[in-house]
Amino acid sequence: MNIFVLDHDIEKSVAYHNNWHVCKMPTEAFQILITSICSICPEEITPLNKTGNNYKPVKNKNHGSCVWARTCRENFQYTLNYFELLCQEYNYRYGKENFTYRYLDWVYQYINRFDPQGRLTKFYLAMPDQYKLSDTVLSYRQYYLKEKMSDKNGVPAKWTKRSIPFWTHHNRV
C-alpha cells in the first residue's frame, strides 16, 4: 500500500499517476482509510463491498502507510483528500465512477475522531531504501521512474487525457 506523493500540490500529484494507478490507488487509499478508522473505532461496521461482504481493514494494520494516516487528523485528511481526488481522476479519465467513491461520505463522518493535535507529518516512504531521499516528492518520483513506469507485464505506463509528467522525460526528477 502506498500514497504516491508525486508533487507538493496534491491535485498535481494525483494527475501525475499513470492509468494503472488511477484504477488501483482509490481502492488502496480506501483500505488505508478503513484500516485507520477501525484502528481507532474497532467496533465500527464497515460498508459492503461489491460481493456484499463488509470491507475489512488490511491484515497489517501497522503498515507504515496506515500508521501514518491515523497519526493525526491532518494526515487522515490528506489521505481522504488523496482518495477523493483519485476517484475524481478516475471519473475524468474513464467517464465513470470508481466503485469506492460511493463511500466518501461514510469516511468523512470519522474525521473528527482523529487527534486534532499536530500538523501534517513527514510522509511514510513505502519504497525500497535505495529510493529514499530527504525530499518526499523526489523520492517518490525516483521510485515511480524506476519501478512504476510499466505494469507487471511490462506494458508501458499511459496517461489518458493527461500529458506524461514533465519529470518522466529523460528520467528527470
N, C-alpha and C. Protein backbone atom coordinates (compact mmCIF):
# COMPACT_ATOMS: atom_id res chain seq x y z
N MET A 1 0.85 -1.18 0.00
CA MET A 1 0.00 0.00 0.00
C MET A 1 0.88 1.23 0.00
N ASN A 2 0.36 2.27 -0.65
CA ASN A 2 1.18 3.45 -0.80
C ASN A 2 0.32 4.68 -0.99
N ILE A 3 0.91 5.80 -0.74
CA ILE A 3 0.35 7.10 -1.08
C ILE A 3 1.45 7.76 -1.91
N PHE A 4 1.28 7.76 -3.23
CA PHE A 4 2.31 8.31 -4.10
C PHE A 4 2.28 9.84 -4.06
N VAL A 5 3.27 10.41 -3.44
CA VAL A 5 3.37 11.88 -3.32
C VAL A 5 4.30 12.33 -4.45
N LEU A 6 3.71 12.61 -5.62
CA LEU A 6 4.48 12.92 -6.81
C LEU A 6 4.63 14.43 -7.04
N ASP A 7 4.03 15.22 -6.18
CA ASP A 7 4.15 16.68 -6.23
C ASP A 7 3.72 17.21 -4.87
N HIS A 8 4.17 18.42 -4.54
CA HIS A 8 3.75 19.04 -3.28
C HIS A 8 2.28 19.46 -3.35
N ASP A 9 1.79 19.71 -4.54
CA ASP A 9 0.38 20.04 -4.77
C ASP A 9 -0.36 18.71 -4.98
N ILE A 10 -1.28 18.39 -4.11
CA ILE A 10 -1.94 17.08 -4.15
C ILE A 10 -2.72 16.87 -5.45
N GLU A 11 -3.29 17.91 -6.02
CA GLU A 11 -4.02 17.75 -7.27
C GLU A 11 -3.08 17.39 -8.42
N LYS A 12 -1.93 18.05 -8.48
CA LYS A 12 -0.93 17.69 -9.49
C LYS A 12 -0.41 16.28 -9.23
N SER A 13 -0.18 15.97 -7.98
CA SER A 13 0.32 14.65 -7.61
C SER A 13 -0.59 13.55 -8.15
N VAL A 14 -1.87 13.71 -7.96
CA VAL A 14 -2.83 12.71 -8.44
C VAL A 14 -2.87 12.68 -9.97
N ALA A 15 -2.83 13.84 -10.61
CA ALA A 15 -2.84 13.89 -12.08
C ALA A 15 -1.61 13.21 -12.68
N TYR A 16 -0.50 13.17 -11.93
CA TYR A 16 0.72 12.52 -12.40
C TYR A 16 0.65 11.00 -12.32
N HIS A 17 -0.34 10.44 -11.64
CA HIS A 17 -0.47 8.99 -11.55
C HIS A 17 -0.77 8.42 -12.94
N ASN A 18 -0.13 7.31 -13.27
CA ASN A 18 -0.43 6.68 -14.56
C ASN A 18 -1.80 5.99 -14.48
N ASN A 19 -2.30 5.57 -15.64
CA ASN A 19 -3.63 4.97 -15.70
C ASN A 19 -3.78 3.78 -14.76
N TRP A 20 -2.76 2.94 -14.72
CA TRP A 20 -2.85 1.76 -13.86
C TRP A 20 -3.08 2.18 -12.41
N HIS A 21 -2.36 3.20 -11.95
CA HIS A 21 -2.52 3.64 -10.56
C HIS A 21 -3.82 4.41 -10.33
N VAL A 22 -4.31 5.10 -11.35
CA VAL A 22 -5.60 5.78 -11.20
C VAL A 22 -6.71 4.75 -10.99
N CYS A 23 -6.53 3.56 -11.55
CA CYS A 23 -7.51 2.49 -11.34
C CYS A 23 -7.32 1.79 -9.99
N LYS A 24 -6.08 1.59 -9.61
CA LYS A 24 -5.73 0.78 -8.43
C LYS A 24 -5.72 1.57 -7.11
N MET A 25 -5.23 2.79 -7.16
CA MET A 25 -4.96 3.52 -5.91
C MET A 25 -6.20 4.00 -5.15
N PRO A 26 -7.35 4.26 -5.80
CA PRO A 26 -8.52 4.59 -4.97
C PRO A 26 -8.85 3.48 -3.97
N THR A 27 -8.73 2.24 -4.42
CA THR A 27 -9.01 1.11 -3.52
C THR A 27 -7.97 1.03 -2.41
N GLU A 28 -6.70 1.24 -2.75
CA GLU A 28 -5.65 1.21 -1.72
C GLU A 28 -5.85 2.34 -0.71
N ALA A 29 -6.15 3.53 -1.21
CA ALA A 29 -6.38 4.66 -0.30
C ALA A 29 -7.57 4.38 0.60
N PHE A 30 -8.62 3.80 0.03
CA PHE A 30 -9.80 3.46 0.82
C PHE A 30 -9.45 2.41 1.88
N GLN A 31 -8.62 1.44 1.53
CA GLN A 31 -8.19 0.44 2.51
C GLN A 31 -7.39 1.09 3.65
N ILE A 32 -6.55 2.03 3.32
CA ILE A 32 -5.79 2.75 4.35
C ILE A 32 -6.76 3.49 5.27
N LEU A 33 -7.76 4.14 4.68
CA LEU A 33 -8.75 4.89 5.48
C LEU A 33 -9.57 3.95 6.36
N ILE A 34 -10.04 2.85 5.81
CA ILE A 34 -10.81 1.89 6.62
C ILE A 34 -9.96 1.34 7.76
N THR A 35 -8.72 1.01 7.47
CA THR A 35 -7.84 0.48 8.50
C THR A 35 -7.61 1.52 9.59
N SER A 36 -7.46 2.77 9.20
CA SER A 36 -7.29 3.84 10.18
C SER A 36 -8.53 3.99 11.05
N ILE A 37 -9.70 3.97 10.42
CA ILE A 37 -10.96 4.11 11.17
C ILE A 37 -11.13 2.93 12.13
N CYS A 38 -10.91 1.72 11.65
CA CYS A 38 -11.09 0.54 12.50
C CYS A 38 -10.04 0.46 13.61
N SER A 39 -8.90 1.12 13.43
CA SER A 39 -7.89 1.14 14.48
C SER A 39 -8.32 2.01 15.66
N ILE A 40 -9.06 3.09 15.36
CA ILE A 40 -9.50 3.96 16.46
C ILE A 40 -10.94 3.69 16.88
N CYS A 41 -11.69 2.99 16.03
CA CYS A 41 -13.08 2.60 16.32
C CYS A 41 -13.25 1.13 15.99
N PRO A 42 -12.66 0.24 16.80
CA PRO A 42 -12.66 -1.18 16.46
C PRO A 42 -14.04 -1.82 16.36
N GLU A 43 -15.05 -1.19 16.96
CA GLU A 43 -16.40 -1.76 16.92
C GLU A 43 -17.14 -1.37 15.65
N GLU A 44 -16.55 -0.52 14.83
CA GLU A 44 -17.22 0.02 13.66
C GLU A 44 -17.52 -1.07 12.62
N ILE A 45 -18.72 -0.99 12.05
CA ILE A 45 -19.11 -1.89 10.96
C ILE A 45 -18.84 -1.14 9.66
N THR A 46 -18.04 -1.74 8.82
CA THR A 46 -17.64 -1.09 7.58
C THR A 46 -18.70 -1.30 6.49
N PRO A 47 -18.67 -0.48 5.44
CA PRO A 47 -19.65 -0.65 4.36
C PRO A 47 -19.43 -1.95 3.60
N LEU A 48 -20.41 -2.29 2.77
CA LEU A 48 -20.35 -3.53 1.98
C LEU A 48 -19.58 -3.30 0.69
N ASN A 49 -18.82 -4.31 0.30
CA ASN A 49 -18.08 -4.25 -0.96
C ASN A 49 -18.94 -4.81 -2.10
N LYS A 50 -18.34 -4.98 -3.27
CA LYS A 50 -19.08 -5.46 -4.45
C LYS A 50 -19.69 -6.84 -4.26
N THR A 51 -19.07 -7.67 -3.43
CA THR A 51 -19.58 -9.03 -3.23
C THR A 51 -20.59 -9.12 -2.09
N GLY A 52 -20.89 -7.98 -1.46
CA GLY A 52 -21.87 -7.97 -0.38
C GLY A 52 -21.29 -8.24 0.99
N ASN A 53 -19.98 -8.33 1.09
CA ASN A 53 -19.32 -8.52 2.38
C ASN A 53 -18.81 -7.18 2.88
N ASN A 54 -18.65 -7.08 4.18
CA ASN A 54 -18.11 -5.85 4.75
C ASN A 54 -16.64 -5.70 4.36
N TYR A 55 -16.26 -4.47 4.02
CA TYR A 55 -14.84 -4.21 3.81
C TYR A 55 -14.10 -4.51 5.09
N LYS A 56 -12.95 -5.08 4.95
CA LYS A 56 -12.13 -5.42 6.11
C LYS A 56 -10.90 -4.51 6.13
N PRO A 57 -10.44 -4.17 7.32
CA PRO A 57 -9.16 -3.46 7.39
C PRO A 57 -8.07 -4.38 6.85
N VAL A 58 -7.00 -3.81 6.39
CA VAL A 58 -5.91 -4.65 5.90
C VAL A 58 -5.38 -5.49 7.05
N LYS A 59 -4.83 -6.64 6.71
CA LYS A 59 -4.32 -7.54 7.76
C LYS A 59 -3.21 -6.90 8.58
N ASN A 60 -2.38 -6.12 7.91
CA ASN A 60 -1.28 -5.48 8.62
C ASN A 60 -1.66 -4.04 8.95
N LYS A 61 -2.40 -3.87 10.05
CA LYS A 61 -2.84 -2.52 10.43
C LYS A 61 -1.66 -1.63 10.80
N ASN A 62 -0.49 -2.21 10.99
CA ASN A 62 0.69 -1.43 11.33
C ASN A 62 1.60 -1.18 10.13
N HIS A 63 1.06 -1.38 8.93
CA HIS A 63 1.80 -0.98 7.73
C HIS A 63 2.08 0.51 7.85
N GLY A 64 3.24 0.94 7.43
CA GLY A 64 3.64 2.34 7.59
C GLY A 64 2.65 3.35 7.05
N SER A 65 2.01 3.06 5.92
CA SER A 65 1.04 3.99 5.35
C SER A 65 -0.20 4.11 6.25
N CYS A 66 -0.61 3.00 6.84
CA CYS A 66 -1.77 3.02 7.74
C CYS A 66 -1.44 3.76 9.04
N VAL A 67 -0.27 3.49 9.59
CA VAL A 67 0.14 4.18 10.82
C VAL A 67 0.24 5.68 10.55
N TRP A 68 0.84 6.05 9.42
CA TRP A 68 0.98 7.47 9.08
C TRP A 68 -0.41 8.12 8.97
N ALA A 69 -1.34 7.48 8.30
CA ALA A 69 -2.67 8.08 8.06
C ALA A 69 -3.44 8.31 9.36
N ARG A 70 -3.25 7.47 10.34
CA ARG A 70 -4.03 7.63 11.58
C ARG A 70 -3.29 8.40 12.67
N THR A 71 -2.07 8.86 12.38
CA THR A 71 -1.27 9.56 13.39
C THR A 71 -1.94 10.83 13.89
N CYS A 72 -2.56 11.58 12.99
CA CYS A 72 -3.25 12.81 13.38
C CYS A 72 -4.31 13.14 12.33
N ARG A 73 -5.16 14.07 12.66
CA ARG A 73 -6.26 14.44 11.78
C ARG A 73 -5.76 14.94 10.42
N GLU A 74 -4.69 15.72 10.41
CA GLU A 74 -4.21 16.26 9.13
C GLU A 74 -3.70 15.15 8.21
N ASN A 75 -3.08 14.14 8.77
CA ASN A 75 -2.64 13.00 7.94
C ASN A 75 -3.86 12.25 7.38
N PHE A 76 -4.86 12.03 8.25
CA PHE A 76 -6.07 11.36 7.81
C PHE A 76 -6.76 12.19 6.73
N GLN A 77 -6.82 13.51 6.95
CA GLN A 77 -7.46 14.40 5.98
C GLN A 77 -6.72 14.36 4.64
N TYR A 78 -5.40 14.34 4.68
CA TYR A 78 -4.62 14.25 3.44
C TYR A 78 -4.97 12.96 2.70
N THR A 79 -5.02 11.85 3.43
CA THR A 79 -5.34 10.56 2.81
C THR A 79 -6.75 10.57 2.24
N LEU A 80 -7.66 11.18 2.94
CA LEU A 80 -9.04 11.30 2.47
C LEU A 80 -9.10 12.17 1.20
N ASN A 81 -8.38 13.28 1.20
CA ASN A 81 -8.33 14.13 0.00
C ASN A 81 -7.71 13.37 -1.18
N TYR A 82 -6.65 12.64 -0.89
CA TYR A 82 -5.99 11.82 -1.91
C TYR A 82 -6.98 10.82 -2.50
N PHE A 83 -7.72 10.15 -1.64
CA PHE A 83 -8.75 9.19 -2.08
C PHE A 83 -9.79 9.88 -2.95
N GLU A 84 -10.31 10.99 -2.49
CA GLU A 84 -11.35 11.69 -3.23
C GLU A 84 -10.84 12.17 -4.60
N LEU A 85 -9.64 12.73 -4.62
CA LEU A 85 -9.07 13.21 -5.88
C LEU A 85 -8.77 12.05 -6.84
N LEU A 86 -8.32 10.92 -6.32
CA LEU A 86 -8.11 9.75 -7.17
C LEU A 86 -9.42 9.29 -7.80
N CYS A 87 -10.48 9.30 -7.04
CA CYS A 87 -11.79 8.91 -7.57
C CYS A 87 -12.25 9.90 -8.64
N GLN A 88 -12.01 11.18 -8.41
CA GLN A 88 -12.36 12.19 -9.41
C GLN A 88 -11.50 12.04 -10.67
N GLU A 89 -10.23 11.71 -10.49
CA GLU A 89 -9.34 11.50 -11.63
C GLU A 89 -9.79 10.28 -12.43
N TYR A 90 -10.21 9.24 -11.75
CA TYR A 90 -10.75 8.05 -12.41
C TYR A 90 -11.95 8.44 -13.26
N ASN A 91 -12.85 9.22 -12.70
CA ASN A 91 -14.03 9.67 -13.43
C ASN A 91 -13.64 10.51 -14.64
N TYR A 92 -12.67 11.39 -14.47
CA TYR A 92 -12.20 12.24 -15.57
C TYR A 92 -11.61 11.40 -16.71
N ARG A 93 -10.78 10.44 -16.37
CA ARG A 93 -10.10 9.65 -17.41
C ARG A 93 -11.01 8.62 -18.07
N TYR A 94 -11.93 8.06 -17.32
CA TYR A 94 -12.71 6.94 -17.84
C TYR A 94 -14.21 7.22 -17.98
N GLY A 95 -14.66 8.37 -17.50
CA GLY A 95 -16.07 8.73 -17.66
C GLY A 95 -17.03 7.91 -16.83
N LYS A 96 -16.53 7.33 -15.75
CA LYS A 96 -17.40 6.57 -14.85
C LYS A 96 -16.87 6.67 -13.43
N GLU A 97 -17.72 6.31 -12.50
CA GLU A 97 -17.37 6.44 -11.08
C GLU A 97 -16.65 5.19 -10.58
N ASN A 98 -15.57 5.41 -9.85
CA ASN A 98 -14.90 4.31 -9.18
C ASN A 98 -15.83 3.77 -8.10
N PHE A 99 -15.89 2.45 -7.96
CA PHE A 99 -16.82 1.83 -7.01
C PHE A 99 -16.66 2.38 -5.59
N THR A 100 -15.44 2.63 -5.16
CA THR A 100 -15.23 3.05 -3.77
C THR A 100 -15.68 4.48 -3.50
N TYR A 101 -15.88 5.28 -4.54
CA TYR A 101 -16.27 6.69 -4.36
C TYR A 101 -17.58 6.83 -3.58
N ARG A 102 -18.44 5.86 -3.70
CA ARG A 102 -19.74 5.91 -3.01
C ARG A 102 -19.59 5.94 -1.48
N TYR A 103 -18.39 5.61 -0.97
CA TYR A 103 -18.19 5.56 0.48
C TYR A 103 -17.55 6.83 1.04
N LEU A 104 -17.41 7.83 0.21
CA LEU A 104 -16.76 9.07 0.64
C LEU A 104 -17.45 9.67 1.87
N ASP A 105 -18.77 9.79 1.84
CA ASP A 105 -19.49 10.37 2.99
C ASP A 105 -19.33 9.52 4.24
N TRP A 106 -19.28 8.20 4.06
CA TRP A 106 -19.09 7.31 5.20
C TRP A 106 -17.75 7.62 5.87
N VAL A 107 -16.70 7.81 5.09
CA VAL A 107 -15.38 8.10 5.64
C VAL A 107 -15.36 9.47 6.30
N TYR A 108 -15.98 10.46 5.67
CA TYR A 108 -15.96 11.83 6.21
C TYR A 108 -16.53 11.92 7.63
N GLN A 109 -17.46 11.05 7.97
CA GLN A 109 -18.06 11.14 9.30
C GLN A 109 -17.08 10.82 10.44
N TYR A 110 -15.91 10.28 10.09
CA TYR A 110 -14.93 9.90 11.11
C TYR A 110 -13.80 10.91 11.31
N ILE A 111 -13.76 11.93 10.51
CA ILE A 111 -12.63 12.86 10.54
C ILE A 111 -12.39 13.44 11.93
N ASN A 112 -13.45 13.74 12.65
CA ASN A 112 -13.29 14.36 13.97
C ASN A 112 -12.90 13.38 15.07
N ARG A 113 -12.82 12.11 14.76
CA ARG A 113 -12.39 11.13 15.76
C ARG A 113 -10.87 11.03 15.85
N PHE A 114 -10.20 11.68 14.90
CA PHE A 114 -8.74 11.64 14.89
C PHE A 114 -8.17 12.81 15.67
N ASP A 115 -7.06 12.58 16.30
CA ASP A 115 -6.40 13.57 17.15
C ASP A 115 -6.18 14.87 16.38
N PRO A 116 -6.78 15.96 16.85
CA PRO A 116 -6.62 17.23 16.14
C PRO A 116 -5.25 17.88 16.38
N GLN A 117 -4.50 17.33 17.32
CA GLN A 117 -3.19 17.89 17.63
C GLN A 117 -2.20 17.53 16.53
N GLY A 118 -1.28 18.39 16.32
CA GLY A 118 -0.22 18.10 15.37
C GLY A 118 -0.54 18.53 13.96
N ARG A 119 0.49 18.77 13.22
CA ARG A 119 0.41 19.16 11.82
C ARG A 119 0.70 17.92 10.97
N LEU A 120 0.50 18.09 9.68
CA LEU A 120 0.82 17.03 8.74
C LEU A 120 2.26 16.58 8.99
N THR A 121 2.44 15.29 9.19
CA THR A 121 3.77 14.77 9.49
C THR A 121 4.47 14.35 8.20
N LYS A 122 5.76 14.09 8.31
CA LYS A 122 6.53 13.63 7.16
C LYS A 122 5.89 12.34 6.63
N PHE A 123 5.72 12.28 5.32
CA PHE A 123 5.07 11.13 4.70
C PHE A 123 5.90 9.86 4.92
N TYR A 124 5.19 8.76 5.08
CA TYR A 124 5.85 7.47 5.14
C TYR A 124 6.29 7.11 3.73
N LEU A 125 7.51 6.70 3.55
CA LEU A 125 8.04 6.32 2.25
C LEU A 125 7.96 4.81 2.09
N ALA A 126 6.90 4.35 1.44
CA ALA A 126 6.68 2.91 1.23
C ALA A 126 7.38 2.50 -0.07
N MET A 127 8.68 2.32 0.05
CA MET A 127 9.51 2.00 -1.12
C MET A 127 10.83 1.42 -0.64
N PRO A 128 11.56 0.78 -1.54
CA PRO A 128 12.89 0.28 -1.16
C PRO A 128 13.80 1.44 -0.73
N ASP A 129 14.70 1.15 0.18
CA ASP A 129 15.60 2.16 0.73
C ASP A 129 16.40 2.91 -0.33
N GLN A 130 16.72 2.25 -1.42
CA GLN A 130 17.56 2.88 -2.44
C GLN A 130 16.94 4.13 -3.05
N TYR A 131 15.61 4.30 -2.90
CA TYR A 131 14.93 5.48 -3.47
C TYR A 131 14.67 6.57 -2.44
N LYS A 132 14.92 6.28 -1.20
CA LYS A 132 14.60 7.23 -0.13
C LYS A 132 15.62 8.36 -0.06
N LEU A 133 15.10 9.57 -0.23
CA LEU A 133 15.89 10.79 -0.13
C LEU A 133 15.29 11.65 0.96
N SER A 134 15.89 12.76 1.26
CA SER A 134 15.33 13.65 2.27
C SER A 134 14.06 14.35 1.78
N ASP A 135 13.89 14.45 0.48
CA ASP A 135 12.72 15.10 -0.12
C ASP A 135 11.71 14.03 -0.54
N THR A 136 10.51 14.09 0.03
CA THR A 136 9.48 13.09 -0.25
C THR A 136 9.13 13.03 -1.73
N VAL A 137 8.89 14.19 -2.35
CA VAL A 137 8.48 14.22 -3.75
C VAL A 137 9.57 13.63 -4.64
N LEU A 138 10.81 14.02 -4.42
CA LEU A 138 11.91 13.47 -5.22
C LEU A 138 12.04 11.97 -5.01
N SER A 139 11.83 11.52 -3.79
CA SER A 139 11.88 10.08 -3.50
C SER A 139 10.82 9.34 -4.31
N TYR A 140 9.59 9.83 -4.25
CA TYR A 140 8.51 9.16 -4.96
C TYR A 140 8.66 9.25 -6.47
N ARG A 141 9.15 10.36 -6.97
CA ARG A 141 9.37 10.47 -8.42
C ARG A 141 10.44 9.48 -8.88
N GLN A 142 11.50 9.40 -8.12
CA GLN A 142 12.57 8.46 -8.46
C GLN A 142 12.04 7.03 -8.44
N TYR A 143 11.31 6.68 -7.40
CA TYR A 143 10.71 5.35 -7.26
C TYR A 143 9.76 5.08 -8.43
N TYR A 144 8.93 6.05 -8.75
CA TYR A 144 7.98 5.91 -9.85
C TYR A 144 8.70 5.66 -11.17
N LEU A 145 9.74 6.46 -11.41
CA LEU A 145 10.51 6.33 -12.66
C LEU A 145 11.15 4.95 -12.80
N LYS A 146 11.68 4.45 -11.72
CA LYS A 146 12.43 3.20 -11.78
C LYS A 146 11.56 1.95 -11.64
N GLU A 147 10.43 2.07 -10.94
CA GLU A 147 9.65 0.88 -10.60
C GLU A 147 8.20 0.88 -11.10
N LYS A 148 7.67 2.03 -11.50
CA LYS A 148 6.24 2.11 -11.77
C LYS A 148 5.88 2.62 -13.17
N MET A 149 6.84 2.58 -14.09
CA MET A 149 6.58 3.10 -15.44
C MET A 149 6.05 2.03 -16.39
N SER A 150 5.79 0.85 -15.86
CA SER A 150 5.13 -0.20 -16.64
C SER A 150 4.36 -1.08 -15.67
N ASP A 151 3.40 -1.81 -16.21
CA ASP A 151 2.65 -2.71 -15.33
C ASP A 151 3.45 -3.99 -15.11
N LYS A 152 2.89 -4.93 -14.39
CA LYS A 152 3.65 -6.15 -14.06
C LYS A 152 3.94 -7.02 -15.27
N ASN A 153 3.27 -6.75 -16.40
CA ASN A 153 3.53 -7.49 -17.63
C ASN A 153 4.48 -6.74 -18.56
N GLY A 154 5.00 -5.60 -18.11
CA GLY A 154 5.94 -4.83 -18.91
C GLY A 154 5.30 -3.85 -19.88
N VAL A 155 3.97 -3.70 -19.81
CA VAL A 155 3.29 -2.74 -20.69
C VAL A 155 3.59 -1.33 -20.18
N PRO A 156 4.09 -0.45 -21.07
CA PRO A 156 4.45 0.90 -20.63
C PRO A 156 3.25 1.69 -20.06
N ALA A 157 3.55 2.54 -19.10
CA ALA A 157 2.53 3.37 -18.47
C ALA A 157 1.92 4.33 -19.48
N LYS A 158 0.65 4.66 -19.26
CA LYS A 158 -0.07 5.63 -20.10
C LYS A 158 -0.79 6.62 -19.19
N TRP A 159 -1.09 7.77 -19.76
CA TRP A 159 -1.82 8.82 -19.06
C TRP A 159 -2.96 9.28 -19.96
N THR A 160 -4.12 8.65 -19.86
CA THR A 160 -5.27 9.02 -20.68
C THR A 160 -5.75 10.42 -20.29
N LYS A 161 -5.94 11.27 -21.29
CA LYS A 161 -6.41 12.65 -21.12
C LYS A 161 -5.45 13.53 -20.33
N ARG A 162 -4.24 13.07 -20.13
CA ARG A 162 -3.20 13.82 -19.41
C ARG A 162 -1.90 13.76 -20.20
N SER A 163 -1.10 14.78 -20.02
CA SER A 163 0.25 14.74 -20.57
C SER A 163 1.11 13.86 -19.67
N ILE A 164 2.10 13.25 -20.27
CA ILE A 164 3.05 12.49 -19.48
C ILE A 164 3.76 13.49 -18.56
N PRO A 165 3.90 13.19 -17.28
CA PRO A 165 4.53 14.15 -16.36
C PRO A 165 5.90 14.61 -16.86
N PHE A 166 6.14 15.91 -16.75
CA PHE A 166 7.38 16.51 -17.25
C PHE A 166 8.61 15.84 -16.67
N TRP A 167 8.53 15.39 -15.44
CA TRP A 167 9.71 14.84 -14.77
C TRP A 167 10.03 13.42 -15.22
N THR A 168 9.18 12.82 -16.08
CA THR A 168 9.48 11.49 -16.60
C THR A 168 10.36 11.56 -17.85
N HIS A 169 10.41 12.72 -18.48
CA HIS A 169 11.21 12.87 -19.70
C HIS A 169 12.69 12.78 -19.36
N HIS A 170 13.36 11.88 -20.01
CA HIS A 170 14.81 11.69 -19.79
C HIS A 170 15.12 11.35 -18.33
N ASN A 171 14.16 10.68 -17.66
CA ASN A 171 14.34 10.28 -16.26
C ASN A 171 14.74 11.44 -15.36
N ARG A 172 14.14 12.59 -15.59
CA ARG A 172 14.44 13.78 -14.81
C ARG A 172 13.45 13.91 -13.66
N VAL A 173 13.93 13.88 -12.42
CA VAL A 173 13.04 14.06 -11.28
C VAL A 173 13.07 15.51 -10.87
